[in-house]
PDB file of N, CA and C in Angstrom:
ATOM      1  N   UNK A   1       0.839  -1.185   0.000  1.00  0.00           N
ATOM      2  CA  UNK A   1       0.000   0.000   0.000  1.00  0.00           C
ATOM      3  C   UNK A   1       0.882   1.246   0.000  1.00  0.00           C
ATOM      4  N   UNK A   2       0.638   2.122  -0.938  1.00  0.00           N
ATOM      5  CA  UNK A   2       1.437   3.339  -1.019  1.00  0.00           C
ATOM      6  C   UNK A   2       0.962   4.355   0.017  1.00  0.00           C
ATOM      7  N   UNK A   3       1.908   4.992   0.637  1.00  0.00           N
ATOM      8  CA  UNK A   3       1.623   5.988   1.666  1.00  0.00           C
ATOM      9  C   UNK A   3       2.020   7.370   1.173  1.00  0.00           C
ATOM     10  N   UNK A   4       1.399   8.376   1.758  1.00  0.00           N
ATOM     11  CA  UNK A   4       1.731   9.765   1.454  1.00  0.00           C
ATOM     12  C   UNK A   4       2.316  10.380   2.719  1.00  0.00           C
ATOM     13  N   UNK A   5       3.555  10.862   2.616  1.00  0.00           N
ATOM     14  CA  UNK A   5       4.272  11.418   3.760  1.00  0.00           C
ATOM     15  C   UNK A   5       4.583  12.886   3.493  1.00  0.00           C
ATOM     16  N   UNK A   6       4.363  13.729   4.487  1.00  0.00           N
ATOM     17  CA  UNK A   6       4.727  15.132   4.402  1.00  0.00           C
ATOM     18  C   UNK A   6       5.955  15.374   5.281  1.00  0.00           C
ATOM     19  N   UNK A   7       7.012  15.909   4.678  1.00  0.00           N
ATOM     20  CA  UNK A   7       8.220  16.256   5.416  1.00  0.00           C
ATOM     21  C   UNK A   7       8.240  17.774   5.574  1.00  0.00           C
ATOM     22  N   UNK A   8       8.272  18.228   6.827  1.00  0.00           N
ATOM     23  CA  UNK A   8       8.340  19.662   7.112  1.00  0.00           C
ATOM     24  C   UNK A   8       9.692  19.930   7.769  1.00  0.00           C
ATOM     25  N   UNK A   9      10.582  20.572   7.035  1.00  0.00           N
ATOM     26  CA  UNK A   9      11.929  20.850   7.538  1.00  0.00           C
ATOM     27  C   UNK A   9      12.479  22.051   6.776  1.00  0.00           C
ATOM     28  N   UNK A  10      13.138  22.962   7.473  1.00  0.00           N
ATOM     29  CA  UNK A  10      13.677  24.151   6.819  1.00  0.00           C
ATOM     30  C   UNK A  10      15.007  23.893   6.117  1.00  0.00           C
ATOM     31  N   UNK A  11      15.630  22.754   6.369  1.00  0.00           N
ATOM     32  CA  UNK A  11      16.921  22.442   5.757  1.00  0.00           C
ATOM     33  C   UNK A  11      16.708  21.665   4.454  1.00  0.00           C
ATOM     34  N   UNK A  12      17.153  22.275   3.334  1.00  0.00           N
ATOM     35  CA  UNK A  12      16.988  21.646   2.024  1.00  0.00           C
ATOM     36  C   UNK A  12      17.588  20.246   1.974  1.00  0.00           C
ATOM     37  N   UNK A  13      18.802  20.101   2.518  1.00  0.00           N
ATOM     38  CA  UNK A  13      19.488  18.802   2.463  1.00  0.00           C
ATOM     39  C   UNK A  13      18.700  17.711   3.174  1.00  0.00           C
ATOM     40  N   UNK A  14      18.178  18.025   4.348  1.00  0.00           N
ATOM     41  CA  UNK A  14      17.413  17.040   5.121  1.00  0.00           C
ATOM     42  C   UNK A  14      16.158  16.644   4.355  1.00  0.00           C
ATOM     43  N   UNK A  15      15.434  17.616   3.831  1.00  0.00           N
ATOM     44  CA  UNK A  15      14.215  17.316   3.051  1.00  0.00           C
ATOM     45  C   UNK A  15      14.545  16.421   1.871  1.00  0.00           C
ATOM     46  N   UNK A  16      15.600  16.764   1.148  1.00  0.00           N
ATOM     47  CA  UNK A  16      15.954  15.998  -0.051  1.00  0.00           C
ATOM     48  C   UNK A  16      16.367  14.569   0.283  1.00  0.00           C
ATOM     49  N   UNK A  17      17.210  14.401   1.300  1.00  0.00           N
ATOM     50  CA  UNK A  17      17.672  13.063   1.673  1.00  0.00           C
ATOM     51  C   UNK A  17      16.498  12.215   2.181  1.00  0.00           C
ATOM     52  N   UNK A  18      15.675  12.799   3.050  1.00  0.00           N
ATOM     53  CA  UNK A  18      14.530  12.048   3.593  1.00  0.00           C
ATOM     54  C   UNK A  18      13.543  11.690   2.482  1.00  0.00           C
ATOM     55  N   UNK A  19      13.256  12.639   1.600  1.00  0.00           N
ATOM     56  CA  UNK A  19      12.309  12.379   0.513  1.00  0.00           C
ATOM     57  C   UNK A  19      12.827  11.288  -0.409  1.00  0.00           C
ATOM     58  N   UNK A  20      14.077  11.403  -0.817  1.00  0.00           N
ATOM     59  CA  UNK A  20      14.670  10.392  -1.697  1.00  0.00           C
ATOM     60  C   UNK A  20      14.655   9.021  -1.031  1.00  0.00           C
ATOM     61  N   UNK A  21      14.978   8.997   0.253  1.00  0.00           N
ATOM     62  CA  UNK A  21      14.987   7.749   1.012  1.00  0.00           C
ATOM     63  C   UNK A  21      13.604   7.104   1.036  1.00  0.00           C
ATOM     64  N   UNK A  22      12.588   7.865   1.385  1.00  0.00           N
ATOM     65  CA  UNK A  22      11.236   7.304   1.515  1.00  0.00           C
ATOM     66  C   UNK A  22      10.648   6.917   0.159  1.00  0.00           C
ATOM     67  N   UNK A  23      10.978   7.685  -0.879  1.00  0.00           N
ATOM     68  CA  UNK A  23      10.494   7.351  -2.221  1.00  0.00           C
ATOM     69  C   UNK A  23      11.181   6.107  -2.760  1.00  0.00           C
ATOM     70  N   UNK A  24      12.492   6.034  -2.583  1.00  0.00           N
ATOM     71  CA  UNK A  24      13.277   4.937  -3.148  1.00  0.00           C
ATOM     72  C   UNK A  24      13.119   3.639  -2.366  1.00  0.00           C
ATOM     73  N   UNK A  25      13.281   3.722  -1.057  1.00  0.00           N
ATOM     74  CA  UNK A  25      13.255   2.519  -0.220  1.00  0.00           C
ATOM     75  C   UNK A  25      11.839   1.984  -0.033  1.00  0.00           C
ATOM     76  N   UNK A  26      10.876   2.871   0.214  1.00  0.00           N
ATOM     77  CA  UNK A  26       9.510   2.413   0.528  1.00  0.00           C
ATOM     78  C   UNK A  26       8.527   2.604  -0.626  1.00  0.00           C
ATOM     79  N   UNK A  27       8.887   3.419  -1.601  1.00  0.00           N
ATOM     80  CA  UNK A  27       7.966   3.677  -2.704  1.00  0.00           C
ATOM     81  C   UNK A  27       6.817   4.594  -2.323  1.00  0.00           C
ATOM     82  N   UNK A  28       7.002   5.393  -1.270  1.00  0.00           N
ATOM     83  CA  UNK A  28       5.949   6.290  -0.804  1.00  0.00           C
ATOM     84  C   UNK A  28       5.948   7.584  -1.608  1.00  0.00           C
ATOM     85  N   UNK A  29       4.796   8.227  -1.663  1.00  0.00           N
ATOM     86  CA  UNK A  29       4.687   9.564  -2.233  1.00  0.00           C
ATOM     87  C   UNK A  29       5.123  10.533  -1.148  1.00  0.00           C
ATOM     88  N   UNK A  30       6.017  11.447  -1.480  1.00  0.00           N
ATOM     89  CA  UNK A  30       6.533  12.381  -0.487  1.00  0.00           C
ATOM     90  C   UNK A  30       6.222  13.814  -0.900  1.00  0.00           C
ATOM     91  N   UNK A  31       5.655  14.547   0.036  1.00  0.00           N
ATOM     92  CA  UNK A  31       5.385  15.967  -0.121  1.00  0.00           C
ATOM     93  C   UNK A  31       6.352  16.696   0.796  1.00  0.00           C
ATOM     94  N   UNK A  32       6.739  17.917   0.445  1.00  0.00           N
ATOM     95  CA  UNK A  32       7.671  18.648   1.298  1.00  0.00           C
ATOM     96  C   UNK A  32       7.177  20.064   1.569  1.00  0.00           C
ATOM     97  N   UNK A  33       7.619  20.579   2.702  1.00  0.00           N
ATOM     98  CA  UNK A  33       7.341  21.969   3.082  1.00  0.00           C
ATOM     99  C   UNK A  33       8.581  22.487   3.793  1.00  0.00           C
ATOM    100  N   UNK A  34       8.937  23.757   3.518  1.00  0.00           N
ATOM    101  CA  UNK A  34      10.157  24.307   4.104  1.00  0.00           C
ATOM    102  C   UNK A  34       9.916  25.145   5.351  1.00  0.00           C
ATOM    103  N   UNK A  35       8.654  25.163   5.824  1.00  0.00           N
ATOM    104  CA  UNK A  35       8.349  25.907   7.054  1.00  0.00           C
ATOM    105  C   UNK A  35       7.097  25.327   7.699  1.00  0.00           C
ATOM    106  N   UNK A  36       6.901  25.683   8.962  1.00  0.00           N
ATOM    107  CA  UNK A  36       5.707  25.223   9.659  1.00  0.00           C
ATOM    108  C   UNK A  36       4.437  25.735   9.008  1.00  0.00           C
ATOM    109  N   UNK A  37       4.433  26.997   8.606  1.00  0.00           N
ATOM    110  CA  UNK A  37       3.240  27.587   7.999  1.00  0.00           C
ATOM    111  C   UNK A  37       2.873  26.883   6.685  1.00  0.00           C
ATOM    112  N   UNK A  38       3.876  26.646   5.846  1.00  0.00           N
ATOM    113  CA  UNK A  38       3.630  25.945   4.578  1.00  0.00           C
ATOM    114  C   UNK A  38       3.186  24.509   4.871  1.00  0.00           C
ATOM    115  N   UNK A  39       3.808  23.886   5.865  1.00  0.00           N
ATOM    116  CA  UNK A  39       3.450  22.525   6.244  1.00  0.00           C
ATOM    117  C   UNK A  39       2.005  22.390   6.705  1.00  0.00           C
ATOM    118  N   UNK A  40       1.539  23.372   7.482  1.00  0.00           N
ATOM    119  CA  UNK A  40       0.144  23.346   7.948  1.00  0.00           C
ATOM    120  C   UNK A  40      -0.817  23.370   6.765  1.00  0.00           C
ATOM    121  N   UNK A  41      -0.538  24.221   5.798  1.00  0.00           N
ATOM    122  CA  UNK A  41      -1.395  24.344   4.622  1.00  0.00           C
ATOM    123  C   UNK A  41      -1.363  23.065   3.773  1.00  0.00           C
ATOM    124  N   UNK A  42      -0.167  22.527   3.555  1.00  0.00           N
ATOM    125  CA  UNK A  42      -0.048  21.290   2.765  1.00  0.00           C
ATOM    126  C   UNK A  42      -0.755  20.136   3.456  1.00  0.00           C
ATOM    127  N   UNK A  43      -0.621  20.051   4.782  1.00  0.00           N
ATOM    128  CA  UNK A  43      -1.275  18.970   5.531  1.00  0.00           C
ATOM    129  C   UNK A  43      -2.790  19.082   5.410  1.00  0.00           C
ATOM    130  N   UNK A  44      -3.310  20.295   5.513  1.00  0.00           N
ATOM    131  CA  UNK A  44      -4.753  20.506   5.422  1.00  0.00           C
ATOM    132  C   UNK A  44      -5.287  20.114   4.042  1.00  0.00           C
ATOM    133  N   UNK A  45      -4.553  20.467   2.995  1.00  0.00           N
ATOM    134  CA  UNK A  45      -4.999  20.205   1.629  1.00  0.00           C
ATOM    135  C   UNK A  45      -4.747  18.751   1.215  1.00  0.00           C
ATOM    136  N   UNK A  46      -3.551  18.243   1.494  1.00  0.00           N
ATOM    137  CA  UNK A  46      -3.125  16.925   0.989  1.00  0.00           C
ATOM    138  C   UNK A  46      -3.515  15.743   1.891  1.00  0.00           C
ATOM    139  N   UNK A  47      -3.749  15.998   3.176  1.00  0.00           N
ATOM    140  CA  UNK A  47      -4.088  14.955   4.148  1.00  0.00           C
ATOM    141  C   UNK A  47      -3.142  13.740   4.061  1.00  0.00           C
ATOM    142  N   UNK A  48      -1.869  13.963   4.396  1.00  0.00           N
ATOM    143  CA  UNK A  48      -0.894  12.861   4.327  1.00  0.00           C
ATOM    144  C   UNK A  48      -1.184  11.781   5.374  1.00  0.00           C
ATOM    145  N   UNK A  49      -0.598  10.608   5.164  1.00  0.00           N
ATOM    146  CA  UNK A  49      -0.749   9.499   6.114  1.00  0.00           C
ATOM    147  C   UNK A  49       0.099   9.721   7.359  1.00  0.00           C
ATOM    148  N   UNK A  50       1.176  10.499   7.225  1.00  0.00           N
ATOM    149  CA  UNK A  50       2.050  10.810   8.368  1.00  0.00           C
ATOM    150  C   UNK A  50       2.866  12.048   8.034  1.00  0.00           C
ATOM    151  N   UNK A  51       3.374  12.683   9.095  1.00  0.00           N
ATOM    152  CA  UNK A  51       4.196  13.879   8.941  1.00  0.00           C
ATOM    153  C   UNK A  51       5.513  13.672   9.676  1.00  0.00           C
ATOM    154  N   UNK A  52       6.602  13.968   8.980  1.00  0.00           N
ATOM    155  CA  UNK A  52       7.934  13.977   9.570  1.00  0.00           C
ATOM    156  C   UNK A  52       8.267  15.455   9.771  1.00  0.00           C
ATOM    157  N   UNK A  53       8.402  15.883  11.035  1.00  0.00           N
ATOM    158  CA  UNK A  53       8.438  17.301  11.375  1.00  0.00           C
ATOM    159  C   UNK A  53       9.707  17.671  12.139  1.00  0.00           C
ATOM    160  N   UNK A  54      10.451  18.623  11.594  1.00  0.00           N
ATOM    161  CA  UNK A  54      11.662  19.117  12.241  1.00  0.00           C
ATOM    162  C   UNK A  54      11.294  19.928  13.484  1.00  0.00           C
ATOM    163  N   UNK A  55      12.086  19.814  14.533  1.00  0.00           N
ATOM    164  CA  UNK A  55      11.834  20.556  15.772  1.00  0.00           C
ATOM    165  C   UNK A  55      12.291  22.005  15.647  1.00  0.00           C
ATOM    166  N   UNK A  56      13.515  22.217  15.204  1.00  0.00           N
ATOM    167  CA  UNK A  56      14.116  23.555  15.172  1.00  0.00           C
ATOM    168  C   UNK A  56      13.950  24.174  13.792  1.00  0.00           C
ATOM    169  N   UNK A  57      13.024  25.128  13.688  1.00  0.00           N
ATOM    170  CA  UNK A  57      12.821  25.863  12.436  1.00  0.00           C
ATOM    171  C   UNK A  57      12.595  27.330  12.790  1.00  0.00           C
ATOM    172  N   UNK A  58      13.032  28.233  11.912  1.00  0.00           N
ATOM    173  CA  UNK A  58      12.756  29.653  12.164  1.00  0.00           C
ATOM    174  C   UNK A  58      11.263  29.930  12.015  1.00  0.00           C
ATOM    175  N   UNK A  59      10.810  30.977  12.648  1.00  0.00           N
ATOM    176  CA  UNK A  59       9.380  31.292  12.580  1.00  0.00           C
ATOM    177  C   UNK A  59       8.610  30.357  13.483  1.00  0.00           C
ATOM    178  N   UNK A  60       7.874  29.452  12.886  1.00  0.00           N
ATOM    179  CA  UNK A  60       7.077  28.483  13.649  1.00  0.00           C
ATOM    180  C   UNK A  60       7.882  27.193  13.805  1.00  0.00           C
ATOM    181  N   UNK A  61       8.285  26.882  15.044  1.00  0.00           N
ATOM    182  CA  UNK A  61       9.069  25.666  15.264  1.00  0.00           C
ATOM    183  C   UNK A  61       8.186  24.413  15.219  1.00  0.00           C
ATOM    184  N   UNK A  62       8.813  23.248  15.318  1.00  0.00           N
ATOM    185  CA  UNK A  62       8.081  21.985  15.229  1.00  0.00           C
ATOM    186  C   UNK A  62       6.996  21.805  16.278  1.00  0.00           C
ATOM    187  N   UNK A  63       7.307  22.023  17.570  1.00  0.00           N
ATOM    188  CA  UNK A  63       6.257  21.868  18.583  1.00  0.00           C
ATOM    189  C   UNK A  63       5.057  22.794  18.352  1.00  0.00           C
ATOM    190  N   UNK A  64       5.318  24.032  17.931  1.00  0.00           N
ATOM    191  CA  UNK A  64       4.219  24.959  17.641  1.00  0.00           C
ATOM    192  C   UNK A  64       3.423  24.478  16.438  1.00  0.00           C
ATOM    193  N   UNK A  65       4.111  24.013  15.411  1.00  0.00           N
ATOM    194  CA  UNK A  65       3.439  23.472  14.220  1.00  0.00           C
ATOM    195  C   UNK A  65       2.561  22.288  14.614  1.00  0.00           C
ATOM    196  N   UNK A  66       3.097  21.404  15.463  1.00  0.00           N
ATOM    197  CA  UNK A  66       2.323  20.238  15.912  1.00  0.00           C
ATOM    198  C   UNK A  66       1.058  20.678  16.647  1.00  0.00           C
ATOM    199  N   UNK A  67       1.200  21.649  17.549  1.00  0.00           N
ATOM    200  CA  UNK A  67       0.021  22.126  18.289  1.00  0.00           C
ATOM    201  C   UNK A  67      -1.020  22.725  17.343  1.00  0.00           C
ATOM    202  N   UNK A  68      -0.570  23.430  16.308  1.00  0.00           N
ATOM    203  CA  UNK A  68      -1.498  23.995  15.324  1.00  0.00           C
ATOM    204  C   UNK A  68      -2.189  22.885  14.531  1.00  0.00           C
ATOM    205  N   UNK A  69      -1.464  21.845  14.188  1.00  0.00           N
ATOM    206  CA  UNK A  69      -2.059  20.696  13.484  1.00  0.00           C
ATOM    207  C   UNK A  69      -3.160  20.059  14.337  1.00  0.00           C
ATOM    208  N   UNK A  70      -2.936  20.014  15.648  1.00  0.00           N
ATOM    209  CA  UNK A  70      -3.896  19.393  16.562  1.00  0.00           C
ATOM    210  C   UNK A  70      -5.192  20.190  16.683  1.00  0.00           C
ATOM    211  N   UNK A  71      -5.150  21.481  16.390  1.00  0.00           N
ATOM    212  CA  UNK A  71      -6.329  22.340  16.520  1.00  0.00           C
ATOM    213  C   UNK A  71      -7.314  22.192  15.358  1.00  0.00           C
ATOM    214  N   UNK A  72      -6.864  21.632  14.244  1.00  0.00           N
ATOM    215  CA  UNK A  72      -7.672  21.554  13.028  1.00  0.00           C
ATOM    216  C   UNK A  72      -8.197  20.130  12.846  1.00  0.00           C
ATOM    217  N   UNK A  73      -9.525  19.951  12.802  1.00  0.00           N
ATOM    218  CA  UNK A  73     -10.072  18.597  12.651  1.00  0.00           C
ATOM    219  C   UNK A  73      -9.498  17.827  11.459  1.00  0.00           C
ATOM    220  N   UNK A  74      -9.231  18.502  10.358  1.00  0.00           N
ATOM    221  CA  UNK A  74      -8.725  17.822   9.157  1.00  0.00           C
ATOM    222  C   UNK A  74      -7.306  17.275   9.337  1.00  0.00           C
ATOM    223  N   UNK A  75      -6.548  17.818  10.304  1.00  0.00           N
ATOM    224  CA  UNK A  75      -5.157  17.382  10.474  1.00  0.00           C
ATOM    225  C   UNK A  75      -4.855  16.800  11.851  1.00  0.00           C
ATOM    226  N   UNK A  76      -5.800  16.854  12.760  1.00  0.00           N
ATOM    227  CA  UNK A  76      -5.510  16.442  14.143  1.00  0.00           C
ATOM    228  C   UNK A  76      -5.214  14.951  14.299  1.00  0.00           C
ATOM    229  N   UNK A  77      -5.710  14.120  13.389  1.00  0.00           N
ATOM    230  CA  UNK A  77      -5.490  12.676  13.513  1.00  0.00           C
ATOM    231  C   UNK A  77      -4.259  12.188  12.745  1.00  0.00           C
ATOM    232  N   UNK A  78      -3.584  13.077  12.034  1.00  0.00           N
ATOM    233  CA  UNK A  78      -2.400  12.663  11.273  1.00  0.00           C
ATOM    234  C   UNK A  78      -1.247  12.407  12.246  1.00  0.00           C
ATOM    235  N   UNK A  79      -0.664  11.203  12.222  1.00  0.00           N
ATOM    236  CA  UNK A  79       0.454  10.923  13.128  1.00  0.00           C
ATOM    237  C   UNK A  79       1.687  11.750  12.754  1.00  0.00           C
ATOM    238  N   UNK A  80       2.349  12.283  13.788  1.00  0.00           N
ATOM    239  CA  UNK A  80       3.517  13.132  13.590  1.00  0.00           C
ATOM    240  C   UNK A  80       4.729  12.507  14.277  1.00  0.00           C
ATOM    241  N   UNK A  81       5.836  12.468  13.539  1.00  0.00           N
ATOM    242  CA  UNK A  81       7.116  12.017  14.084  1.00  0.00           C
ATOM    243  C   UNK A  81       8.050  13.222  14.023  1.00  0.00           C
ATOM    244  N   UNK A  82       8.608  13.581  15.172  1.00  0.00           N
ATOM    245  CA  UNK A  82       9.537  14.709  15.226  1.00  0.00           C
ATOM    246  C   UNK A  82      10.936  14.269  14.830  1.00  0.00           C
ATOM    247  N   UNK A  83      11.639  15.167  14.155  1.00  0.00           N
ATOM    248  CA  UNK A  83      13.049  14.980  13.814  1.00  0.00           C
ATOM    249  C   UNK A  83      13.837  16.041  14.556  1.00  0.00           C
ATOM    250  N   UNK A  84      14.848  15.646  15.296  1.00  0.00           N
ATOM    251  CA  UNK A  84      15.614  16.630  16.062  1.00  0.00           C
ATOM    252  C   UNK A  84      17.078  16.247  16.194  1.00  0.00           C
ATOM    253  N   UNK A  85      17.910  17.269  16.289  1.00  0.00           N
ATOM    254  CA  UNK A  85      19.324  17.062  16.589  1.00  0.00           C
ATOM    255  C   UNK A  85      19.545  17.072  18.098  1.00  0.00           C
ATOM    256  N   UNK A  86      18.507  17.468  18.852  1.00  0.00           N
ATOM    257  CA  UNK A  86      18.617  17.521  20.311  1.00  0.00           C
ATOM    258  C   UNK A  86      18.434  16.110  20.870  1.00  0.00           C
ATOM    259  N   UNK A  87      19.453  15.613  21.516  1.00  0.00           N
ATOM    260  CA  UNK A  87      19.384  14.249  22.024  1.00  0.00           C
ATOM    261  C   UNK A  87      19.387  14.174  23.548  1.00  0.00           C
ATOM    262  N   UNK A  88      19.330  15.326  24.215  1.00  0.00           N
ATOM    263  CA  UNK A  88      19.264  15.343  25.680  1.00  0.00           C
ATOM    264  C   UNK A  88      17.971  14.651  26.115  1.00  0.00           C
ATOM    265  N   UNK A  89      18.031  13.865  27.167  1.00  0.00           N
ATOM    266  CA  UNK A  89      16.839  13.127  27.604  1.00  0.00           C
ATOM    267  C   UNK A  89      15.712  14.075  28.024  1.00  0.00           C
ATOM    268  N   UNK A  90      16.045  15.236  28.603  1.00  0.00           N
ATOM    269  CA  UNK A  90      15.005  16.194  28.993  1.00  0.00           C
ATOM    270  C   UNK A  90      14.263  16.709  27.759  1.00  0.00           C
ATOM    271  N   UNK A  91      15.012  16.998  26.686  1.00  0.00           N
ATOM    272  CA  UNK A  91      14.383  17.446  25.440  1.00  0.00           C
ATOM    273  C   UNK A  91      13.512  16.333  24.863  1.00  0.00           C
ATOM    274  N   UNK A  92      14.028  15.122  24.847  1.00  0.00           N
ATOM    275  CA  UNK A  92      13.288  13.979  24.304  1.00  0.00           C
ATOM    276  C   UNK A  92      11.960  13.793  25.051  1.00  0.00           C
ATOM    277  N   UNK A  93      12.002  13.886  26.393  1.00  0.00           N
ATOM    278  CA  UNK A  93      10.774  13.742  27.195  1.00  0.00           C
ATOM    279  C   UNK A  93       9.791  14.865  26.892  1.00  0.00           C
ATOM    280  N   UNK A  94      10.304  16.089  26.784  1.00  0.00           N
ATOM    281  CA  UNK A  94       9.452  17.243  26.500  1.00  0.00           C
ATOM    282  C   UNK A  94       8.756  17.061  25.149  1.00  0.00           C
ATOM    283  N   UNK A  95       9.488  16.585  24.158  1.00  0.00           N
ATOM    284  CA  UNK A  95       8.890  16.366  22.842  1.00  0.00           C
ATOM    285  C   UNK A  95       7.868  15.238  22.891  1.00  0.00           C
ATOM    286  N   UNK A  96       8.203  14.162  23.574  1.00  0.00           N
ATOM    287  CA  UNK A  96       7.278  13.023  23.684  1.00  0.00           C
ATOM    288  C   UNK A  96       5.999  13.437  24.416  1.00  0.00           C
ATOM    289  N   UNK A  97       6.131  14.323  25.397  1.00  0.00           N
ATOM    290  CA  UNK A  97       4.964  14.790  26.160  1.00  0.00           C
ATOM    291  C   UNK A  97       3.988  15.605  25.314  1.00  0.00           C
ATOM    292  N   UNK A  98       4.417  16.070  24.162  1.00  0.00           N
ATOM    293  CA  UNK A  98       3.534  16.817  23.266  1.00  0.00           C
ATOM    294  C   UNK A  98       2.406  15.937  22.732  1.00  0.00           C
ATOM    295  N   UNK A  99       2.694  14.631  22.618  1.00  0.00           N
ATOM    296  CA  UNK A  99       1.706  13.725  22.043  1.00  0.00           C
ATOM    297  C   UNK A  99       2.067  13.252  20.653  1.00  0.00           C
ATOM    298  N   UNK A 100       3.317  13.490  20.233  1.00  0.00           N
ATOM    299  CA  UNK A 100       3.756  12.989  18.931  1.00  0.00           C
ATOM    300  C   UNK A 100       3.962  11.474  19.027  1.00  0.00           C
ATOM    301  N   UNK A 101       3.972  10.809  17.883  1.00  0.00           N
ATOM    302  CA  UNK A 101       4.150   9.353  17.875  1.00  0.00           C
ATOM    303  C   UNK A 101       5.539   8.928  18.320  1.00  0.00           C
ATOM    304  N   UNK A 102       6.550   9.699  17.896  1.00  0.00           N
ATOM    305  CA  UNK A 102       7.926   9.341  18.238  1.00  0.00           C
ATOM    306  C   UNK A 102       8.828  10.532  17.947  1.00  0.00           C
ATOM    307  N   UNK A 103      10.066  10.395  18.422  1.00  0.00           N
ATOM    308  CA  UNK A 103      11.090  11.396  18.159  1.00  0.00           C
ATOM    309  C   UNK A 103      12.285  10.655  17.563  1.00  0.00           C
ATOM    310  N   UNK A 104      12.675  11.047  16.351  1.00  0.00           N
ATOM    311  CA  UNK A 104      13.856  10.473  15.709  1.00  0.00           C
ATOM    312  C   UNK A 104      14.962  11.515  15.726  1.00  0.00           C
ATOM    313  N   UNK A 105      16.197  11.052  15.909  1.00  0.00           N
ATOM    314  CA  UNK A 105      17.308  11.990  15.976  1.00  0.00           C
ATOM    315  C   UNK A 105      17.999  12.129  14.631  1.00  0.00           C
ATOM    316  N   UNK A 106      18.500  13.345  14.421  1.00  0.00           N
ATOM    317  CA  UNK A 106      19.346  13.632  13.258  1.00  0.00           C
ATOM    318  C   UNK A 106      20.783  13.460  13.704  1.00  0.00           C
ATOM    319  N   UNK A 107      21.647  13.001  12.867  1.00  0.00           N
ATOM    320  CA  UNK A 107      21.358  12.522  11.525  1.00  0.00           C
ATOM    321  C   UNK A 107      20.687  11.150  11.572  1.00  0.00           C
ATOM    322  N   UNK A 108      19.792  10.901  10.645  1.00  0.00           N
ATOM    323  CA  UNK A 108      19.121   9.607  10.557  1.00  0.00           C
ATOM    324  C   UNK A 108      19.760   8.794   9.443  1.00  0.00           C
ATOM    325  N   UNK A 109      19.517   7.500   9.462  1.00  0.00           N
ATOM    326  CA  UNK A 109      20.042   6.608   8.426  1.00  0.00           C
ATOM    327  C   UNK A 109      19.015   6.533   7.298  1.00  0.00           C
ATOM    328  N   UNK A 110      19.327   7.062   6.121  1.00  0.00           N
ATOM    329  CA  UNK A 110      18.360   7.054   5.021  1.00  0.00           C
ATOM    330  C   UNK A 110      17.906   5.649   4.623  1.00  0.00           C
ATOM    331  N   UNK A 111      18.762   4.655   4.846  1.00  0.00           N
ATOM    332  CA  UNK A 111      18.409   3.295   4.457  1.00  0.00           C
ATOM    333  C   UNK A 111      17.396   2.649   5.401  1.00  0.00           C
ATOM    334  N   UNK A 112      17.318   3.153   6.639  1.00  0.00           N
ATOM    335  CA  UNK A 112      16.389   2.545   7.598  1.00  0.00           C
ATOM    336  C   UNK A 112      15.246   3.475   7.998  1.00  0.00           C
ATOM    337  N   UNK A 113      15.212   4.692   7.475  1.00  0.00           N
ATOM    338  CA  UNK A 113      14.179   5.654   7.863  1.00  0.00           C
ATOM    339  C   UNK A 113      12.770   5.113   7.622  1.00  0.00           C
ATOM    340  N   UNK A 114      12.523   4.550   6.451  1.00  0.00           N
ATOM    341  CA  UNK A 114      11.180   4.036   6.132  1.00  0.00           C
ATOM    342  C   UNK A 114      10.789   2.910   7.079  1.00  0.00           C
ATOM    343  N   UNK A 115      11.700   1.987   7.361  1.00  0.00           N
ATOM    344  CA  UNK A 115      11.354   0.875   8.254  1.00  0.00           C
ATOM    345  C   UNK A 115      11.141   1.374   9.685  1.00  0.00           C
ATOM    346  N   UNK A 116      11.904   2.382  10.105  1.00  0.00           N
ATOM    347  CA  UNK A 116      11.677   2.969  11.436  1.00  0.00           C
ATOM    348  C   UNK A 116      10.273   3.574  11.494  1.00  0.00           C
ATOM    349  N   UNK A 117       9.901   4.294  10.457  1.00  0.00           N
ATOM    350  CA  UNK A 117       8.577   4.916  10.428  1.00  0.00           C
ATOM    351  C   UNK A 117       7.474   3.857  10.401  1.00  0.00           C
ATOM    352  N   UNK A 118       7.656   2.818   9.602  1.00  0.00           N
ATOM    353  CA  UNK A 118       6.654   1.739   9.549  1.00  0.00           C
ATOM    354  C   UNK A 118       6.444   1.111  10.925  1.00  0.00           C
ATOM    355  N   UNK A 119       7.535   0.877  11.633  1.00  0.00           N
ATOM    356  CA  UNK A 119       7.453   0.277  12.959  1.00  0.00           C
ATOM    357  C   UNK A 119       6.730   1.209  13.935  1.00  0.00           C
ATOM    358  N   UNK A 120       7.130   2.496  13.939  1.00  0.00           N
ATOM    359  CA  UNK A 120       6.516   3.478  14.828  1.00  0.00           C
ATOM    360  C   UNK A 120       5.021   3.609  14.566  1.00  0.00           C
ATOM    361  N   UNK A 121       4.642   3.616  13.306  1.00  0.00           N
ATOM    362  CA  UNK A 121       3.259   3.857  12.907  1.00  0.00           C
ATOM    363  C   UNK A 121       2.414   2.590  12.823  1.00  0.00           C
ATOM    364  N   UNK A 122       3.038   1.431  13.045  1.00  0.00           N
ATOM    365  CA  UNK A 122       2.291   0.172  12.994  1.00  0.00           C
ATOM    366  C   UNK A 122       1.855  -0.198  11.600  1.00  0.00           C
ATOM    367  N   UNK A 123       2.650   0.160  10.600  1.00  0.00           N
ATOM    368  CA  UNK A 123       2.284  -0.107   9.204  1.00  0.00           C
ATOM    369  C   UNK A 123       2.812  -1.431   8.682  1.00  0.00           C
ATOM    370  N   UNK A 124       3.405  -2.253   9.520  1.00  0.00           N
ATOM    371  CA  UNK A 124       3.949  -3.532   9.044  1.00  0.00           C
ATOM    372  C   UNK A 124       2.914  -4.612   9.134  1.00  0.00           C
TER     373      UNK A 124
END
């Protein structure tokens, strides 16, 4: 079954590597957004199966974007996985307490990203 994934990250390299990885390894359709605001709009219109969301972004950061997604009925049920370079346990707990499905750390392994997401989301 083909999945539609939205990647919201301000870093071009991260978006490109993650998108290529998910398209090539899993055969998923990948949508991208370079900011929280653009991501909110794409999520509302496209209704992806899951969102891979960067924590640290200028303007609207990942946690704020997630909270905004939760306020809209059309996007509140979309599972969100945070991507972060912050690996401190306090940060990890704070992110998990938001209600996201999981927190993945950067740098991630492009070869295993799709299988990690499948496991987290129960898609196997």
